[in-house]
Amino acid sequence: MTKQFFMSGRPHNGMTYSEYLKGTEDYIKNSNYESLDEIEKNRYDIILLNLHRSRRISKTYNPGDNIAELISNITSPHIWMVITEDWCGDSAQNLPYIASLAKLNNNINLRILLRDKNLDIMDQYLTNGVSRSIPILVSFNEYGEELFRWGPRPLEGKELVRELKSQGYTKKDLIEKLHYWYAKNRGENIEMELTQLIAYSVMEITEKI
């Protein structure tokens, strides 16, 4: 069943990845750091670091042959809706891969919705039914049928966080270890997981034809 928010065109009117990045860049450029309070400075520092991470990934990532071929086989319009925020470290580590893959096929329309301005949509994609974790990628066909969803981080990253929490790591140390894992992984897991999801969705579409 097509969701009401899709029928009203909200994913279609979301930001492009370029617009999303520009919004972040404008925030960095137009902020007077010295006038910010401590909470605002911390947020600024996180967003700036995330921007550097995203830029680095975008410059260095080359999609593997398998996923590139799969995406090239998409022949009908798809919308990839991503729910996120620029202060989210997981988004900085994953969204650039998603954006790079979407660029491989003009049939894929990547649109970004900010979580905190779209909580009614976010609450339809809660992690474990309770958490507004981001980023969340949802793929739709042109009729609003959901093809697959992914997020907020690769399975191995989820398991790492779960293990670190069970060992009593502080949030600061946990985040540091998670980003170290991302740096070593270099997008291998998100590409593998998206390859499986896209392959399955393409197979389902083929079977329906």
Protein backbone atom coordinates (compact mmCIF):
# COMPACT_ATOMS: atom_id res chain seq x y z
CA MET A 1 0.00 0.00 0.00
CA THR A 2 1.38 3.39 -1.00
CA LYS A 3 2.11 5.59 2.00
CA GLN A 4 0.33 8.92 2.25
CA PHE A 5 3.57 10.91 2.42
CA PHE A 6 4.62 9.42 -0.91
CA MET A 7 1.26 10.19 -2.50
CA SER A 8 1.62 13.82 -1.40
CA GLY A 9 5.04 14.03 -3.07
CA ARG A 10 7.19 14.73 -0.02
CA PRO A 11 10.07 12.43 -1.01
CA HIS A 12 9.98 13.87 -4.54
CA ASN A 13 10.39 17.38 -3.11
CA GLY A 14 13.29 16.48 -0.84
CA MET A 15 16.78 17.85 -1.32
CA THR A 16 19.28 16.57 -3.83
CA TYR A 17 22.61 15.52 -2.39
CA SER A 18 24.21 18.69 -3.77
CA GLU A 19 21.56 20.83 -2.08
CA TYR A 20 22.04 18.95 1.17
CA LEU A 21 25.80 19.52 1.09
CA LYS A 22 25.34 23.18 0.20
CA GLY A 23 23.10 23.63 3.23
CA THR A 24 25.85 22.22 5.43
CA GLU A 25 28.53 24.30 3.74
CA ASP A 26 26.44 27.46 4.15
CA TYR A 27 25.99 26.72 7.84
CA ILE A 28 29.76 26.37 8.28
CA LYS A 29 30.50 29.47 6.21
CA ASN A 30 27.93 31.72 7.85
CA SER A 31 28.46 30.73 11.49
CA ASN A 32 30.42 33.06 13.75
CA TYR A 33 32.22 30.44 15.81
CA GLU A 34 33.32 32.79 18.57
CA SER A 35 29.75 33.91 19.22
CA LEU A 36 28.48 30.35 19.71
CA ASP A 37 27.90 28.88 23.16
CA GLU A 38 29.57 25.61 24.14
CA ILE A 39 26.72 23.41 22.93
CA GLU A 40 26.60 25.24 19.61
CA LYS A 41 30.38 25.03 19.22
CA ASN A 42 30.28 21.30 19.81
CA ARG A 43 27.56 20.92 17.19
CA TYR A 44 29.54 23.09 14.75
CA ASP A 45 32.69 21.00 15.29
CA ILE A 46 30.79 17.77 14.68
CA ILE A 47 29.15 19.05 11.50
CA LEU A 48 32.48 20.34 10.17
CA LEU A 49 34.17 17.00 10.84
CA ASN A 50 31.28 15.18 9.19
CA LEU A 51 31.59 17.39 6.12
CA HIS A 52 35.29 16.53 5.82
CA ARG A 53 34.48 12.83 6.15
CA SER A 54 31.82 13.00 3.46
CA ARG A 55 34.04 14.90 1.05
CA ARG A 56 36.88 12.41 1.52
CA ILE A 57 34.64 9.43 0.81
CA SER A 58 33.11 11.08 -2.26
CA LYS A 59 36.57 11.71 -3.69
CA THR A 60 37.97 8.22 -3.07
CA TYR A 61 35.05 5.82 -3.56
CA ASN A 62 34.79 3.78 -6.73
CA PRO A 63 31.77 1.44 -6.86
CA GLY A 64 32.53 -2.24 -7.41
CA ASP A 65 31.67 -3.90 -10.70
CA ASN A 66 28.88 -6.06 -9.26
CA ILE A 67 26.85 -3.25 -7.76
CA ALA A 68 27.53 -0.98 -10.74
CA GLU A 69 26.12 -3.63 -13.09
CA LEU A 70 23.09 -4.21 -10.86
CA ILE A 71 22.28 -0.53 -10.76
CA SER A 72 22.72 -0.22 -14.52
CA ASN A 73 19.99 -2.87 -14.90
CA ILE A 74 17.39 -0.63 -13.23
CA THR A 75 15.21 0.45 -16.13
CA SER A 76 12.25 2.06 -14.37
CA PRO A 77 12.09 5.19 -12.19
CA HIS A 78 13.11 4.71 -8.57
CA ILE A 79 13.18 7.16 -5.70
CA TRP A 80 15.80 6.66 -3.01
CA MET A 81 14.61 8.55 0.03
CA VAL A 82 17.19 9.17 2.74
CA ILE A 83 16.21 10.47 6.16
CA THR A 84 19.17 12.09 7.89
CA GLU A 85 20.81 15.13 9.54
CA ASP A 86 24.23 16.69 8.95
CA TRP A 87 25.24 16.30 12.61
CA CYS A 88 24.92 12.51 12.31
CA GLY A 89 28.27 10.74 12.15
CA ASP A 90 26.79 7.57 10.66
CA SER A 91 25.29 9.65 7.88
CA ALA A 92 28.63 11.26 7.08
CA GLN A 93 30.13 7.79 6.77
CA ASN A 94 27.35 6.23 4.67
CA LEU A 95 25.45 8.84 2.69
CA PRO A 96 28.35 9.60 0.30
CA TYR A 97 28.35 5.95 -0.80
CA ILE A 98 24.60 6.01 -1.36
CA ALA A 99 24.88 9.25 -3.33
CA SER A 100 27.70 7.89 -5.49
CA LEU A 101 25.70 4.76 -6.31
CA ALA A 102 22.57 6.76 -7.15
CA LYS A 103 24.57 8.76 -9.70
CA LEU A 104 25.24 5.59 -11.70
CA ASN A 105 21.73 5.50 -13.15
CA ASN A 106 19.52 8.41 -14.16
CA ASN A 107 16.48 6.31 -13.24
CA ILE A 108 17.42 6.72 -9.57
CA ASN A 109 16.23 9.96 -8.02
CA LEU A 110 18.00 10.43 -4.68
CA ARG A 111 16.12 12.76 -2.33
CA ILE A 112 17.06 13.72 1.20
CA LEU A 113 14.66 14.59 4.02
CA LEU A 114 15.85 16.07 7.29
CA ARG A 115 14.74 13.90 10.15
CA ASP A 116 13.76 16.60 12.61
CA LYS A 117 11.54 18.34 10.05
CA ASN A 118 9.88 15.09 9.02
CA LEU A 119 9.32 13.20 12.23
CA ASP A 120 6.02 11.77 11.01
CA ILE A 121 7.92 10.02 8.20
CA MET A 122 10.83 9.09 10.46
CA ASP A 123 8.45 7.42 12.88
CA GLN A 124 7.38 5.02 10.14
CA TYR A 125 10.97 3.77 9.89
CA LEU A 126 12.07 3.41 13.50
CA THR A 127 14.98 1.12 14.29
CA ASN A 128 13.78 -1.80 16.42
CA GLY A 129 10.43 -0.01 16.55
CA VAL A 130 11.68 2.60 19.02
CA SER A 131 14.73 4.55 17.85
CA ARG A 132 14.85 7.46 15.38
CA SER A 133 18.26 6.32 14.21
CA ILE A 134 19.65 7.73 10.97
CA PRO A 135 20.47 7.55 8.14
CA ILE A 136 17.62 5.49 6.76
CA LEU A 137 17.47 4.72 3.04
CA VAL A 138 14.14 3.64 1.56
CA SER A 139 13.83 2.72 -2.12
CA PHE A 140 10.47 3.16 -3.86
CA ASN A 141 9.28 2.43 -7.36
CA GLU A 142 7.38 5.12 -9.25
CA TYR A 143 4.10 3.95 -7.70
CA GLY A 144 5.34 4.29 -4.14
CA GLU A 145 5.81 0.58 -3.51
CA GLU A 146 8.71 -0.01 -1.15
CA LEU A 147 11.50 -2.01 -2.77
CA PHE A 148 13.97 -2.12 0.10
CA ARG A 149 15.20 -0.20 3.10
CA TRP A 150 18.62 0.09 4.72
CA GLY A 151 20.11 1.74 7.80
CA PRO A 152 21.21 3.24 10.01
CA ARG A 153 24.60 1.53 9.69
CA PRO A 154 26.04 -1.72 8.27
CA LEU A 155 25.31 -4.88 10.26
CA GLU A 156 28.91 -5.26 11.37
CA GLY A 157 28.85 -1.69 12.66
CA LYS A 158 25.60 -2.38 14.51
CA GLU A 159 27.14 -5.45 16.14
CA LEU A 160 30.24 -3.46 17.10
CA VAL A 161 28.13 -0.80 18.82
CA ARG A 162 26.09 -3.44 20.61
CA GLU A 163 29.26 -5.14 21.86
CA LEU A 164 30.89 -1.90 23.00
CA LYS A 165 27.74 -0.91 24.89
CA SER A 166 27.68 -4.27 26.64
CA GLN A 167 31.29 -3.67 27.73
CA GLY A 168 30.38 -0.33 29.29
CA TYR A 169 32.23 1.96 26.89
CA THR A 170 31.46 5.66 27.21
CA LYS A 171 29.63 7.31 24.33
CA LYS A 172 32.77 9.24 23.37
CA ASP A 173 34.95 6.12 23.23
CA LEU A 174 32.23 4.14 21.46
CA ILE A 175 31.92 6.78 18.73
CA GLU A 176 35.70 6.90 18.32
CA LYS A 177 35.91 3.14 17.83
CA LEU A 178 32.96 3.14 15.45
CA HIS A 179 34.55 5.78 13.21
CA TYR A 180 37.83 3.84 13.30
CA TRP A 181 35.87 0.83 12.04
CA TYR A 182 34.33 2.94 9.27
CA ALA A 183 37.77 4.20 8.23
CA LYS A 184 39.13 0.66 7.97
CA ASN A 185 36.04 -0.73 6.25
CA ARG A 186 36.07 1.86 3.43
CA GLY A 187 32.46 1.22 2.45
CA GLU A 188 32.92 -2.50 1.90
CA ASN A 189 29.99 -3.52 4.09
CA ILE A 190 27.47 -0.96 2.92
CA GLU A 191 28.25 -1.83 -0.68
CA MET A 192 27.86 -5.55 0.05
CA GLU A 193 24.54 -5.03 1.85
CA LEU A 194 23.14 -2.72 -0.81
CA THR A 195 24.24 -5.16 -3.51
CA GLN A 196 22.12 -7.85 -1.86
CA LEU A 197 19.12 -5.57 -1.38
CA ILE A 198 19.21 -4.20 -4.92
CA ALA A 199 19.69 -7.67 -6.43
CA TYR A 200 16.69 -8.97 -4.52
CA SER A 201 14.51 -6.01 -5.50
CA VAL A 202 15.50 -6.31 -9.17
CA MET A 203 14.71 -10.04 -9.06
CA GLU A 204 11.27 -9.35 -7.57
CA ILE A 205 10.51 -6.73 -10.22
CA THR A 206 11.60 -9.15 -12.98
CA GLU A 207 9.38 -11.90 -11.62
CA LYS A 208 6.35 -9.58 -11.64
CA ILE A 209 6.81 -8.64 -15.29
